[in-house]
């Protein structure tokens, strides 16, 4: 389980993913799409249905707002054989603000209830495997005031340890940033209290996950 520094465990996909698998001659086309609202979920779902108007089924599930909003549909498949396994795959992998639509073009071979559940679950998981995933973290934003004589060594020290948001040049250099691999104490010690450092706010940032351990 991946925790950030304000306790949230949710994961988010960066971009739309489309994936297709064939199971017993049926085509299962999965669209995994980031969303931010119910209106966006419904509009995106409508677009996919129009694009696949001649499909046998357009089954889906979506999750929003820290998994507080959830909806699923079997779209004509036997009850709980399509929407539920899609939803459970999303939940098991702690995804949020996401819509998953699995479109089926029937190939003539009936899969049975168990086969359908596995097909829709695996279709969803295969799309999740291809996704770029990130978490959200709450970072403290600091303003650092430094003399020009320290500016260059400060820049070098902060490289790869922080994300600079702005730099202003006046009588002194003012830098606003948040730390990515550094503590305030370490910065103060490195420069022997020669910097003026103030907390000026907070920011929520995206932190990419290099690997995602697929669950379910």
N, C-alpha and C. Protein backbone atom coordinates (compact mmCIF):
# COMPACT_ATOMS: atom_id res chain seq x y z
N UNK A 1 0.85 -1.19 0.00
CA UNK A 1 0.00 0.00 0.00
C UNK A 1 0.88 1.24 0.00
N UNK A 2 0.55 2.20 -0.81
CA UNK A 2 1.40 3.38 -0.99
C UNK A 2 0.81 4.59 -0.27
N UNK A 3 1.48 5.02 0.79
CA UNK A 3 1.02 6.19 1.53
C UNK A 3 1.86 7.40 1.16
N UNK A 4 1.21 8.56 1.05
CA UNK A 4 1.97 9.79 0.91
C UNK A 4 1.99 10.49 2.25
N UNK A 5 2.51 11.72 2.27
CA UNK A 5 2.75 12.35 3.56
C UNK A 5 1.53 13.04 4.16
N UNK A 6 0.34 12.81 3.63
CA UNK A 6 -0.84 13.24 4.37
C UNK A 6 -1.86 12.11 4.45
N UNK A 7 -1.38 10.86 4.32
CA UNK A 7 -2.18 9.71 4.67
C UNK A 7 -3.04 9.14 3.57
N UNK A 8 -3.11 9.79 2.42
CA UNK A 8 -3.96 9.28 1.35
C UNK A 8 -3.30 8.09 0.67
N UNK A 9 -4.10 7.10 0.32
CA UNK A 9 -3.56 5.90 -0.32
C UNK A 9 -4.02 5.76 -1.76
N UNK A 10 -4.85 6.67 -2.23
CA UNK A 10 -5.41 6.53 -3.57
C UNK A 10 -4.34 6.70 -4.65
N UNK A 11 -4.59 6.02 -5.76
CA UNK A 11 -3.73 6.14 -6.94
C UNK A 11 -4.58 6.64 -8.11
N UNK A 12 -3.92 7.30 -9.06
CA UNK A 12 -4.61 7.93 -10.18
C UNK A 12 -3.87 7.61 -11.46
N UNK A 13 -4.62 7.49 -12.56
CA UNK A 13 -3.97 7.26 -13.84
C UNK A 13 -3.75 8.59 -14.54
N UNK A 14 -2.64 8.68 -15.25
CA UNK A 14 -2.25 9.95 -15.86
C UNK A 14 -2.99 10.21 -17.16
N UNK A 15 -3.08 9.21 -18.02
CA UNK A 15 -3.67 9.37 -19.35
C UNK A 15 -4.60 8.20 -19.67
N UNK A 16 -5.41 8.40 -20.69
CA UNK A 16 -6.31 7.35 -21.16
C UNK A 16 -5.51 6.16 -21.69
N UNK A 17 -5.99 4.97 -21.34
CA UNK A 17 -5.40 3.72 -21.83
C UNK A 17 -6.47 2.93 -22.57
N UNK A 18 -6.12 2.41 -23.74
CA UNK A 18 -7.01 1.49 -24.46
C UNK A 18 -6.28 0.18 -24.69
N UNK A 19 -6.95 -0.91 -24.39
CA UNK A 19 -6.33 -2.23 -24.54
C UNK A 19 -7.37 -3.22 -25.04
N UNK A 20 -6.94 -4.17 -25.84
CA UNK A 20 -7.86 -5.18 -26.39
C UNK A 20 -7.29 -6.57 -26.16
N UNK A 21 -8.16 -7.48 -25.73
CA UNK A 21 -7.80 -8.89 -25.64
C UNK A 21 -8.91 -9.71 -26.30
N UNK A 22 -8.55 -10.89 -26.77
CA UNK A 22 -9.50 -11.82 -27.39
C UNK A 22 -9.66 -13.02 -26.47
N UNK A 23 -10.90 -13.34 -26.12
CA UNK A 23 -11.18 -14.50 -25.28
C UNK A 23 -12.27 -15.31 -25.96
N UNK A 24 -11.93 -16.52 -26.39
CA UNK A 24 -12.89 -17.40 -27.07
C UNK A 24 -13.66 -16.66 -28.16
N UNK A 25 -12.90 -15.98 -28.99
CA UNK A 25 -13.40 -15.28 -30.18
C UNK A 25 -14.14 -13.97 -29.89
N UNK A 26 -14.40 -13.66 -28.62
CA UNK A 26 -15.00 -12.37 -28.28
C UNK A 26 -13.90 -11.32 -28.10
N UNK A 27 -14.14 -10.13 -28.64
CA UNK A 27 -13.21 -9.01 -28.45
C UNK A 27 -13.62 -8.23 -27.21
N UNK A 28 -12.67 -8.00 -26.32
CA UNK A 28 -12.90 -7.18 -25.13
C UNK A 28 -11.98 -5.96 -25.24
N UNK A 29 -12.58 -4.80 -25.48
CA UNK A 29 -11.83 -3.55 -25.65
C UNK A 29 -12.03 -2.71 -24.39
N UNK A 30 -10.95 -2.46 -23.70
CA UNK A 30 -11.02 -1.73 -22.43
C UNK A 30 -10.51 -0.31 -22.60
N UNK A 31 -11.31 0.64 -22.16
CA UNK A 31 -10.90 2.04 -22.08
C UNK A 31 -10.84 2.43 -20.61
N UNK A 32 -9.64 2.80 -20.16
CA UNK A 32 -9.40 3.23 -18.78
C UNK A 32 -9.07 4.71 -18.84
N UNK A 33 -9.92 5.54 -18.20
CA UNK A 33 -9.88 6.98 -18.46
C UNK A 33 -9.90 7.76 -17.15
N UNK A 34 -9.00 8.73 -16.96
CA UNK A 34 -9.08 9.59 -15.78
C UNK A 34 -10.26 10.54 -15.88
N UNK A 35 -10.97 10.73 -14.79
CA UNK A 35 -12.12 11.64 -14.75
C UNK A 35 -12.05 12.45 -13.46
N UNK A 36 -12.77 13.58 -13.44
CA UNK A 36 -12.76 14.43 -12.25
C UNK A 36 -14.17 14.73 -11.72
N UNK A 37 -15.21 14.29 -12.44
CA UNK A 37 -16.58 14.61 -12.01
C UNK A 37 -17.55 13.61 -12.60
N UNK A 38 -18.78 13.61 -12.05
CA UNK A 38 -19.84 12.76 -12.58
C UNK A 38 -20.20 13.16 -14.00
N UNK A 39 -20.24 14.46 -14.26
CA UNK A 39 -20.57 14.93 -15.60
C UNK A 39 -19.54 14.43 -16.61
N UNK A 40 -18.27 14.48 -16.23
CA UNK A 40 -17.22 14.00 -17.14
C UNK A 40 -17.34 12.50 -17.34
N UNK A 41 -17.66 11.76 -16.29
CA UNK A 41 -17.84 10.31 -16.41
C UNK A 41 -18.97 9.99 -17.39
N UNK A 42 -20.09 10.66 -17.24
CA UNK A 42 -21.24 10.39 -18.09
C UNK A 42 -20.99 10.81 -19.55
N UNK A 43 -20.33 11.94 -19.75
CA UNK A 43 -20.03 12.41 -21.09
C UNK A 43 -19.05 11.46 -21.79
N UNK A 44 -18.03 11.03 -21.07
CA UNK A 44 -17.05 10.11 -21.65
C UNK A 44 -17.68 8.76 -21.97
N UNK A 45 -18.53 8.29 -21.07
CA UNK A 45 -19.24 7.04 -21.30
C UNK A 45 -20.11 7.14 -22.54
N UNK A 46 -20.80 8.26 -22.71
CA UNK A 46 -21.64 8.48 -23.88
C UNK A 46 -20.82 8.44 -25.17
N UNK A 47 -19.64 9.03 -25.14
CA UNK A 47 -18.78 9.05 -26.31
C UNK A 47 -18.32 7.64 -26.70
N UNK A 48 -17.98 6.84 -25.69
CA UNK A 48 -17.54 5.47 -25.97
C UNK A 48 -18.69 4.64 -26.51
N UNK A 49 -19.87 4.83 -25.95
CA UNK A 49 -21.04 4.10 -26.46
C UNK A 49 -21.32 4.45 -27.92
N UNK A 50 -21.16 5.72 -28.28
CA UNK A 50 -21.37 6.14 -29.67
C UNK A 50 -20.31 5.53 -30.58
N UNK A 51 -19.07 5.50 -30.09
CA UNK A 51 -17.98 4.94 -30.89
C UNK A 51 -18.16 3.44 -31.11
N UNK A 52 -18.77 2.77 -30.14
CA UNK A 52 -18.99 1.32 -30.23
C UNK A 52 -20.49 1.02 -30.19
N UNK A 53 -21.24 1.74 -31.01
CA UNK A 53 -22.70 1.61 -31.01
C UNK A 53 -23.16 0.21 -31.42
N UNK A 54 -22.33 -0.49 -32.18
CA UNK A 54 -22.71 -1.82 -32.67
C UNK A 54 -22.12 -2.95 -31.83
N UNK A 55 -21.53 -2.61 -30.68
CA UNK A 55 -20.97 -3.64 -29.80
C UNK A 55 -22.10 -4.40 -29.10
N UNK A 56 -21.79 -5.60 -28.65
CA UNK A 56 -22.78 -6.40 -27.93
C UNK A 56 -23.05 -5.81 -26.54
N UNK A 57 -21.99 -5.36 -25.87
CA UNK A 57 -22.12 -4.77 -24.54
C UNK A 57 -21.07 -3.68 -24.35
N UNK A 58 -21.44 -2.64 -23.61
CA UNK A 58 -20.49 -1.64 -23.13
C UNK A 58 -20.65 -1.59 -21.61
N UNK A 59 -19.91 -2.45 -20.93
CA UNK A 59 -20.02 -2.56 -19.48
C UNK A 59 -19.01 -1.61 -18.83
N UNK A 60 -19.33 -1.12 -17.64
CA UNK A 60 -18.44 -0.11 -17.07
C UNK A 60 -18.53 -0.05 -15.56
N UNK A 61 -17.55 0.64 -14.99
CA UNK A 61 -17.58 1.04 -13.58
C UNK A 61 -16.77 2.32 -13.47
N UNK A 62 -17.18 3.18 -12.52
CA UNK A 62 -16.34 4.35 -12.24
C UNK A 62 -16.31 4.62 -10.75
N UNK A 63 -15.24 5.33 -10.35
CA UNK A 63 -14.99 5.67 -8.95
C UNK A 63 -14.54 7.12 -8.88
N UNK A 64 -15.09 7.84 -7.90
CA UNK A 64 -14.74 9.25 -7.72
C UNK A 64 -14.66 9.60 -6.23
N UNK A 65 -13.93 10.67 -5.95
CA UNK A 65 -13.92 11.31 -4.62
C UNK A 65 -13.54 10.33 -3.51
N UNK A 66 -12.28 9.86 -3.58
CA UNK A 66 -11.76 8.93 -2.58
C UNK A 66 -12.63 7.68 -2.46
N UNK A 67 -13.11 7.21 -3.61
CA UNK A 67 -13.93 6.01 -3.73
C UNK A 67 -15.28 6.13 -3.02
N UNK A 68 -15.69 7.37 -2.70
CA UNK A 68 -16.99 7.57 -2.07
C UNK A 68 -18.12 7.43 -3.09
N UNK A 69 -17.86 7.74 -4.35
CA UNK A 69 -18.85 7.61 -5.41
C UNK A 69 -18.44 6.44 -6.30
N UNK A 70 -19.33 5.47 -6.42
CA UNK A 70 -19.06 4.29 -7.24
C UNK A 70 -20.31 3.90 -8.01
N UNK A 71 -20.11 3.51 -9.25
CA UNK A 71 -21.23 3.04 -10.05
C UNK A 71 -20.73 1.99 -11.03
N UNK A 72 -21.60 1.04 -11.36
CA UNK A 72 -21.22 -0.01 -12.31
C UNK A 72 -22.44 -0.41 -13.12
N UNK A 73 -22.19 -1.04 -14.26
CA UNK A 73 -23.27 -1.52 -15.11
C UNK A 73 -22.84 -2.77 -15.85
N UNK A 74 -23.74 -3.77 -15.88
CA UNK A 74 -23.50 -4.99 -16.66
C UNK A 74 -23.93 -4.85 -18.11
N UNK A 75 -24.71 -3.81 -18.41
CA UNK A 75 -25.16 -3.52 -19.77
C UNK A 75 -25.63 -4.76 -20.53
N UNK A 76 -26.48 -5.53 -19.87
CA UNK A 76 -27.08 -6.68 -20.55
C UNK A 76 -26.40 -8.01 -20.30
N UNK A 77 -25.20 -8.01 -19.76
CA UNK A 77 -24.57 -9.26 -19.35
C UNK A 77 -25.30 -9.77 -18.10
N UNK A 78 -25.18 -11.05 -17.77
CA UNK A 78 -25.81 -11.56 -16.54
C UNK A 78 -25.38 -10.75 -15.32
N UNK A 79 -26.30 -10.61 -14.37
CA UNK A 79 -26.08 -9.75 -13.22
C UNK A 79 -24.77 -10.05 -12.51
N UNK A 80 -23.99 -8.99 -12.27
CA UNK A 80 -22.75 -9.02 -11.49
C UNK A 80 -21.61 -9.80 -12.16
N UNK A 81 -21.72 -10.01 -13.47
CA UNK A 81 -20.63 -10.71 -14.18
C UNK A 81 -19.71 -9.76 -14.92
N UNK A 82 -20.05 -8.48 -14.99
CA UNK A 82 -19.25 -7.54 -15.78
C UNK A 82 -18.91 -6.29 -14.97
N UNK A 83 -19.93 -5.52 -14.61
CA UNK A 83 -19.68 -4.29 -13.86
C UNK A 83 -18.98 -4.54 -12.54
N UNK A 84 -19.40 -5.57 -11.82
CA UNK A 84 -18.79 -5.86 -10.51
C UNK A 84 -17.31 -6.23 -10.62
N UNK A 85 -16.91 -7.16 -11.49
CA UNK A 85 -15.47 -7.45 -11.58
C UNK A 85 -14.64 -6.27 -12.07
N UNK A 86 -15.22 -5.42 -12.91
CA UNK A 86 -14.50 -4.19 -13.32
C UNK A 86 -14.29 -3.31 -12.09
N UNK A 87 -15.36 -3.08 -11.34
CA UNK A 87 -15.29 -2.23 -10.16
C UNK A 87 -14.33 -2.79 -9.12
N UNK A 88 -14.39 -4.08 -8.88
CA UNK A 88 -13.52 -4.69 -7.88
C UNK A 88 -12.05 -4.59 -8.28
N UNK A 89 -11.75 -4.68 -9.56
CA UNK A 89 -10.36 -4.53 -10.02
C UNK A 89 -9.86 -3.11 -9.77
N UNK A 90 -10.72 -2.13 -10.00
CA UNK A 90 -10.34 -0.74 -9.74
C UNK A 90 -10.11 -0.51 -8.25
N UNK A 91 -11.02 -1.02 -7.43
CA UNK A 91 -10.92 -0.82 -5.98
C UNK A 91 -9.72 -1.56 -5.40
N UNK A 92 -9.48 -2.77 -5.85
CA UNK A 92 -8.37 -3.56 -5.32
C UNK A 92 -7.03 -2.89 -5.56
N UNK A 93 -6.94 -2.12 -6.64
CA UNK A 93 -5.71 -1.41 -6.96
C UNK A 93 -5.71 0.04 -6.50
N UNK A 94 -6.69 0.37 -5.65
CA UNK A 94 -6.78 1.66 -4.97
C UNK A 94 -6.83 2.83 -5.95
N UNK A 95 -7.49 2.63 -7.09
CA UNK A 95 -7.61 3.69 -8.07
C UNK A 95 -8.79 4.60 -7.73
N UNK A 96 -8.64 5.86 -8.07
CA UNK A 96 -9.69 6.83 -7.81
C UNK A 96 -9.79 7.76 -9.02
N UNK A 97 -10.95 8.44 -9.13
CA UNK A 97 -11.20 9.35 -10.25
C UNK A 97 -10.93 8.68 -11.59
N UNK A 98 -11.58 7.56 -11.80
CA UNK A 98 -11.30 6.76 -12.99
C UNK A 98 -12.59 6.12 -13.50
N UNK A 99 -12.70 6.05 -14.81
CA UNK A 99 -13.78 5.34 -15.49
C UNK A 99 -13.18 4.21 -16.29
N UNK A 100 -13.75 3.03 -16.18
CA UNK A 100 -13.31 1.89 -16.98
C UNK A 100 -14.50 1.33 -17.74
N UNK A 101 -14.40 1.32 -19.06
CA UNK A 101 -15.45 0.77 -19.92
C UNK A 101 -14.86 -0.43 -20.67
N UNK A 102 -15.49 -1.57 -20.53
CA UNK A 102 -15.07 -2.76 -21.27
C UNK A 102 -16.14 -3.07 -22.30
N UNK A 103 -15.78 -2.91 -23.55
CA UNK A 103 -16.69 -3.14 -24.67
C UNK A 103 -16.48 -4.56 -25.18
N UNK A 104 -17.59 -5.29 -25.34
CA UNK A 104 -17.50 -6.67 -25.82
C UNK A 104 -18.19 -6.80 -27.17
N UNK A 105 -17.46 -7.38 -28.10
CA UNK A 105 -18.03 -7.82 -29.37
C UNK A 105 -18.09 -9.34 -29.32
N UNK A 106 -19.31 -9.86 -29.22
CA UNK A 106 -19.51 -11.31 -29.03
C UNK A 106 -18.98 -12.10 -30.22
N UNK A 107 -18.22 -13.15 -29.90
CA UNK A 107 -17.61 -13.94 -30.96
C UNK A 107 -18.27 -15.27 -31.24
N UNK A 108 -19.40 -15.52 -30.57
CA UNK A 108 -20.15 -16.74 -30.86
C UNK A 108 -19.99 -17.85 -29.84
N UNK A 109 -19.07 -17.67 -28.89
CA UNK A 109 -18.84 -18.70 -27.86
C UNK A 109 -19.28 -18.16 -26.51
N UNK A 110 -20.22 -18.82 -25.87
CA UNK A 110 -20.68 -18.39 -24.55
C UNK A 110 -19.64 -18.75 -23.50
N UNK A 111 -19.39 -17.83 -22.59
CA UNK A 111 -18.32 -18.01 -21.61
C UNK A 111 -18.82 -18.54 -20.27
N UNK A 112 -20.12 -18.45 -20.02
CA UNK A 112 -20.64 -18.83 -18.72
C UNK A 112 -20.36 -17.75 -17.69
N UNK A 113 -21.03 -17.84 -16.54
CA UNK A 113 -20.91 -16.79 -15.53
C UNK A 113 -19.47 -16.62 -15.04
N UNK A 114 -18.82 -17.72 -14.69
CA UNK A 114 -17.44 -17.65 -14.21
C UNK A 114 -16.49 -17.12 -15.27
N UNK A 115 -16.70 -17.55 -16.52
CA UNK A 115 -15.85 -17.09 -17.60
C UNK A 115 -16.01 -15.60 -17.87
N UNK A 116 -17.24 -15.11 -17.75
CA UNK A 116 -17.48 -13.68 -17.94
C UNK A 116 -16.80 -12.85 -16.85
N UNK A 117 -16.93 -13.31 -15.61
CA UNK A 117 -16.30 -12.59 -14.50
C UNK A 117 -14.79 -12.50 -14.72
N UNK A 118 -14.17 -13.61 -15.09
CA UNK A 118 -12.72 -13.61 -15.33
C UNK A 118 -12.36 -12.72 -16.51
N UNK A 119 -13.18 -12.76 -17.55
CA UNK A 119 -12.88 -11.98 -18.76
C UNK A 119 -12.92 -10.48 -18.46
N UNK A 120 -13.94 -10.02 -17.77
CA UNK A 120 -14.06 -8.59 -17.50
C UNK A 120 -13.01 -8.14 -16.47
N UNK A 121 -12.73 -8.98 -15.50
CA UNK A 121 -11.68 -8.65 -14.52
C UNK A 121 -10.33 -8.56 -15.21
N UNK A 122 -9.98 -9.57 -16.00
CA UNK A 122 -8.67 -9.59 -16.65
C UNK A 122 -8.53 -8.47 -17.68
N UNK A 123 -9.61 -8.13 -18.36
CA UNK A 123 -9.58 -7.02 -19.30
C UNK A 123 -9.22 -5.72 -18.59
N UNK A 124 -9.83 -5.52 -17.43
CA UNK A 124 -9.54 -4.33 -16.64
C UNK A 124 -8.11 -4.33 -16.13
N UNK A 125 -7.66 -5.46 -15.61
CA UNK A 125 -6.30 -5.54 -15.06
C UNK A 125 -5.24 -5.32 -16.12
N UNK A 126 -5.47 -5.83 -17.32
CA UNK A 126 -4.49 -5.64 -18.39
C UNK A 126 -4.36 -4.16 -18.75
N UNK A 127 -5.46 -3.43 -18.71
CA UNK A 127 -5.40 -1.99 -18.97
C UNK A 127 -4.67 -1.26 -17.85
N UNK A 128 -4.94 -1.67 -16.60
CA UNK A 128 -4.27 -1.04 -15.46
C UNK A 128 -2.76 -1.25 -15.54
N UNK A 129 -2.33 -2.43 -15.99
CA UNK A 129 -0.90 -2.71 -16.11
C UNK A 129 -0.20 -1.75 -17.07
N UNK A 130 -0.92 -1.26 -18.06
CA UNK A 130 -0.34 -0.37 -19.07
C UNK A 130 -0.36 1.11 -18.65
N UNK A 131 -1.06 1.41 -17.57
CA UNK A 131 -1.29 2.80 -17.19
C UNK A 131 -0.08 3.41 -16.46
N UNK A 132 0.12 4.71 -16.67
CA UNK A 132 1.05 5.49 -15.85
C UNK A 132 0.26 5.96 -14.63
N UNK A 133 0.74 5.61 -13.45
CA UNK A 133 -0.02 5.83 -12.22
C UNK A 133 0.76 6.77 -11.30
N UNK A 134 0.01 7.61 -10.59
CA UNK A 134 0.65 8.52 -9.64
C UNK A 134 -0.19 8.61 -8.36
N UNK A 135 0.46 9.08 -7.31
CA UNK A 135 -0.24 9.40 -6.08
C UNK A 135 -0.19 10.91 -5.89
N UNK A 136 -0.93 11.39 -4.90
CA UNK A 136 -0.90 12.82 -4.57
C UNK A 136 -0.26 12.99 -3.20
N UNK A 137 0.57 14.02 -3.09
CA UNK A 137 1.24 14.30 -1.82
C UNK A 137 1.10 15.77 -1.47
N UNK A 138 0.92 16.05 -0.19
CA UNK A 138 0.85 17.42 0.28
C UNK A 138 2.25 17.87 0.69
N UNK A 139 2.74 18.93 0.03
CA UNK A 139 4.09 19.43 0.29
C UNK A 139 4.03 20.83 0.89
N UNK A 140 4.95 21.10 1.80
CA UNK A 140 5.10 22.44 2.36
C UNK A 140 5.91 23.29 1.39
N UNK A 141 5.42 24.50 1.11
CA UNK A 141 6.14 25.43 0.24
C UNK A 141 6.92 26.41 1.11
N UNK A 142 8.22 26.52 0.84
CA UNK A 142 9.09 27.43 1.58
C UNK A 142 9.57 28.57 0.67
N UNK A 143 9.81 29.72 1.29
CA UNK A 143 10.52 30.80 0.62
C UNK A 143 11.90 30.93 1.27
N UNK A 144 12.92 30.89 0.42
CA UNK A 144 14.30 31.00 0.89
C UNK A 144 14.87 32.33 0.41
N UNK A 145 15.38 33.10 1.33
CA UNK A 145 16.07 34.35 0.98
C UNK A 145 17.57 34.13 1.15
N UNK A 146 18.32 34.43 0.10
CA UNK A 146 19.76 34.23 0.14
C UNK A 146 20.50 35.39 -0.50
N UNK A 147 21.72 35.63 -0.03
CA UNK A 147 22.58 36.60 -0.70
C UNK A 147 23.08 35.99 -2.02
N UNK A 148 23.47 36.84 -2.94
CA UNK A 148 23.95 36.37 -4.23
C UNK A 148 25.21 35.53 -4.10
N UNK A 149 26.00 35.77 -3.06
CA UNK A 149 27.23 35.00 -2.87
C UNK A 149 26.96 33.52 -2.59
N UNK A 150 25.77 33.23 -2.05
CA UNK A 150 25.41 31.84 -1.74
C UNK A 150 24.49 31.22 -2.78
N UNK A 151 24.06 32.03 -3.73
CA UNK A 151 23.03 31.56 -4.66
C UNK A 151 23.50 30.35 -5.48
N UNK A 152 24.68 30.42 -6.04
CA UNK A 152 25.16 29.32 -6.89
C UNK A 152 25.34 28.02 -6.10
N UNK A 153 26.02 28.04 -4.95
CA UNK A 153 26.12 26.79 -4.18
C UNK A 153 24.76 26.28 -3.69
N UNK A 154 23.86 27.21 -3.40
CA UNK A 154 22.51 26.80 -2.99
C UNK A 154 21.79 26.10 -4.13
N UNK A 155 21.87 26.66 -5.33
CA UNK A 155 21.28 26.03 -6.51
C UNK A 155 21.80 24.61 -6.69
N UNK A 156 23.10 24.47 -6.60
CA UNK A 156 23.73 23.15 -6.78
C UNK A 156 23.24 22.16 -5.73
N UNK A 157 23.15 22.65 -4.48
CA UNK A 157 22.73 21.77 -3.39
C UNK A 157 21.27 21.33 -3.55
N UNK A 158 20.44 22.24 -4.01
CA UNK A 158 19.00 21.95 -4.13
C UNK A 158 18.67 21.07 -5.32
N UNK A 159 19.60 20.98 -6.29
CA UNK A 159 19.36 20.20 -7.49
C UNK A 159 19.03 18.75 -7.13
N UNK A 160 17.96 18.23 -7.70
CA UNK A 160 17.49 16.86 -7.47
C UNK A 160 16.97 16.63 -6.06
N UNK A 161 16.91 17.67 -5.25
CA UNK A 161 16.38 17.52 -3.89
C UNK A 161 15.12 18.35 -3.68
N UNK A 162 14.76 19.17 -4.68
CA UNK A 162 13.62 20.07 -4.50
C UNK A 162 13.00 20.39 -5.85
N UNK A 163 11.82 20.98 -5.80
CA UNK A 163 11.16 21.49 -6.99
C UNK A 163 10.99 23.00 -6.81
N UNK A 164 11.70 23.78 -7.63
CA UNK A 164 11.63 25.23 -7.52
C UNK A 164 10.39 25.73 -8.26
N UNK A 165 9.59 26.53 -7.58
CA UNK A 165 8.35 27.07 -8.14
C UNK A 165 8.56 28.46 -8.74
N UNK A 166 9.41 29.26 -8.12
CA UNK A 166 9.69 30.60 -8.64
C UNK A 166 10.99 31.12 -8.06
N UNK A 167 11.63 32.03 -8.80
CA UNK A 167 12.85 32.70 -8.34
C UNK A 167 12.74 34.18 -8.68
N UNK A 168 12.94 35.03 -7.68
CA UNK A 168 12.87 36.48 -7.88
C UNK A 168 14.22 37.09 -7.50
N UNK A 169 14.69 38.00 -8.36
CA UNK A 169 15.99 38.62 -8.15
C UNK A 169 15.80 40.09 -7.80
N UNK A 170 16.25 40.47 -6.61
CA UNK A 170 16.20 41.86 -6.17
C UNK A 170 17.44 42.15 -5.37
N UNK A 171 17.25 42.80 -4.25
CA UNK A 171 18.39 43.01 -3.35
C UNK A 171 18.96 41.68 -2.88
N UNK A 172 18.04 40.73 -2.69
CA UNK A 172 18.42 39.34 -2.38
C UNK A 172 17.70 38.45 -3.39
N UNK A 173 18.08 37.19 -3.41
CA UNK A 173 17.38 36.20 -4.24
C UNK A 173 16.32 35.53 -3.38
N UNK A 174 15.09 35.49 -3.90
CA UNK A 174 13.99 34.82 -3.21
C UNK A 174 13.56 33.61 -4.02
N UNK A 175 13.61 32.46 -3.39
CA UNK A 175 13.28 31.20 -4.07
C UNK A 175 12.09 30.57 -3.35
N UNK A 176 11.06 30.21 -4.10
CA UNK A 176 9.95 29.43 -3.53
C UNK A 176 10.05 28.01 -4.07
N UNK A 177 9.90 27.04 -3.18
CA UNK A 177 10.11 25.64 -3.57
C UNK A 177 9.46 24.71 -2.56
N UNK A 178 9.42 23.44 -2.93
CA UNK A 178 9.12 22.39 -1.96
C UNK A 178 10.19 21.32 -2.08
N UNK A 179 10.41 20.58 -1.01
CA UNK A 179 11.45 19.57 -0.99
C UNK A 179 10.94 18.25 -1.56
N UNK A 180 11.80 17.57 -2.30
CA UNK A 180 11.47 16.23 -2.79
C UNK A 180 12.34 15.16 -2.14
N UNK A 181 13.55 15.53 -1.77
CA UNK A 181 14.46 14.57 -1.13
C UNK A 181 15.39 15.33 -0.17
N UNK A 182 14.79 16.07 0.73
CA UNK A 182 15.56 16.95 1.60
C UNK A 182 14.70 17.32 2.80
N UNK A 183 15.36 17.54 3.94
CA UNK A 183 14.65 18.04 5.11
C UNK A 183 15.09 19.48 5.39
N UNK A 184 14.22 20.21 6.05
CA UNK A 184 14.53 21.59 6.41
C UNK A 184 15.77 21.64 7.29
N UNK A 185 15.87 20.71 8.22
CA UNK A 185 17.01 20.68 9.13
C UNK A 185 18.33 20.48 8.36
N UNK A 186 18.31 19.60 7.37
CA UNK A 186 19.52 19.35 6.59
C UNK A 186 19.94 20.59 5.82
N UNK A 187 18.97 21.34 5.28
CA UNK A 187 19.29 22.56 4.54
C UNK A 187 19.89 23.61 5.46
N UNK A 188 19.28 23.78 6.62
CA UNK A 188 19.78 24.76 7.59
C UNK A 188 21.22 24.42 8.01
N UNK A 189 21.46 23.14 8.29
CA UNK A 189 22.79 22.72 8.73
C UNK A 189 23.83 22.91 7.62
N UNK A 190 23.43 22.63 6.38
CA UNK A 190 24.36 22.74 5.27
C UNK A 190 24.87 24.17 5.09
N UNK A 191 23.99 25.14 5.34
CA UNK A 191 24.36 26.54 5.09
C UNK A 191 24.54 27.35 6.38
N UNK A 192 24.67 26.63 7.50
CA UNK A 192 25.04 27.25 8.77
C UNK A 192 24.16 28.46 9.13
N UNK A 193 22.86 28.31 8.94
CA UNK A 193 21.89 29.36 9.32
C UNK A 193 22.09 30.67 8.56
N UNK A 194 22.70 30.61 7.38
CA UNK A 194 22.92 31.83 6.59
C UNK A 194 21.76 32.15 5.65
N UNK A 195 20.76 31.30 5.64
CA UNK A 195 19.57 31.51 4.82
C UNK A 195 18.41 31.95 5.69
N UNK A 196 17.53 32.76 5.12
CA UNK A 196 16.27 33.09 5.79
C UNK A 196 15.18 32.24 5.14
N UNK A 197 14.55 31.39 5.93
CA UNK A 197 13.60 30.42 5.40
C UNK A 197 12.26 30.59 6.09
N UNK A 198 11.21 30.74 5.31
CA UNK A 198 9.86 30.86 5.85
C UNK A 198 8.91 29.92 5.12
N UNK A 199 8.00 29.34 5.87
CA UNK A 199 6.93 28.56 5.27
C UNK A 199 5.89 29.52 4.72
N UNK A 200 5.51 29.36 3.45
CA UNK A 200 4.57 30.30 2.83
C UNK A 200 3.27 29.63 2.36
N UNK A 201 3.19 28.31 2.48
CA UNK A 201 1.95 27.65 2.05
C UNK A 201 2.13 26.16 1.88
N UNK A 202 1.17 25.56 1.21
CA UNK A 202 1.20 24.12 0.93
C UNK A 202 0.71 23.90 -0.50
N UNK A 203 1.11 22.78 -1.07
CA UNK A 203 0.72 22.46 -2.44
C UNK A 203 0.54 20.95 -2.56
N UNK A 204 -0.47 20.54 -3.33
CA UNK A 204 -0.65 19.11 -3.62
C UNK A 204 0.03 18.81 -4.94
N UNK A 205 0.90 17.82 -4.95
CA UNK A 205 1.68 17.50 -6.15
C UNK A 205 1.47 16.03 -6.54
N UNK A 206 1.71 15.76 -7.82
CA UNK A 206 1.64 14.40 -8.34
C UNK A 206 2.99 13.72 -8.17
N UNK A 207 2.97 12.51 -7.64
CA UNK A 207 4.20 11.74 -7.49
C UNK A 207 4.06 10.43 -8.27
N UNK A 208 4.75 10.32 -9.42
CA UNK A 208 4.62 9.12 -10.26
C UNK A 208 5.10 7.86 -9.53
N UNK A 209 4.42 6.77 -9.78
CA UNK A 209 4.84 5.47 -9.29
C UNK A 209 5.61 4.76 -10.40
N UNK A 210 6.83 4.38 -10.10
CA UNK A 210 7.63 3.69 -11.11
C UNK A 210 7.07 2.30 -11.41
N UNK A 211 6.57 1.64 -10.38
CA UNK A 211 5.97 0.32 -10.55
C UNK A 211 4.67 0.25 -9.78
N UNK A 212 3.73 -0.51 -10.29
CA UNK A 212 2.45 -0.74 -9.62
C UNK A 212 2.26 -2.23 -9.48
N UNK A 213 2.16 -2.68 -8.24
CA UNK A 213 1.89 -4.09 -7.97
C UNK A 213 0.40 -4.34 -8.15
N UNK A 214 0.06 -5.07 -9.20
CA UNK A 214 -1.34 -5.30 -9.54
C UNK A 214 -1.97 -6.26 -8.54
N UNK A 215 -3.12 -5.87 -7.99
CA UNK A 215 -3.85 -6.70 -7.06
C UNK A 215 -5.06 -7.33 -7.73
N UNK A 216 -5.53 -8.44 -7.14
CA UNK A 216 -6.71 -9.21 -7.59
C UNK A 216 -6.30 -10.15 -8.72
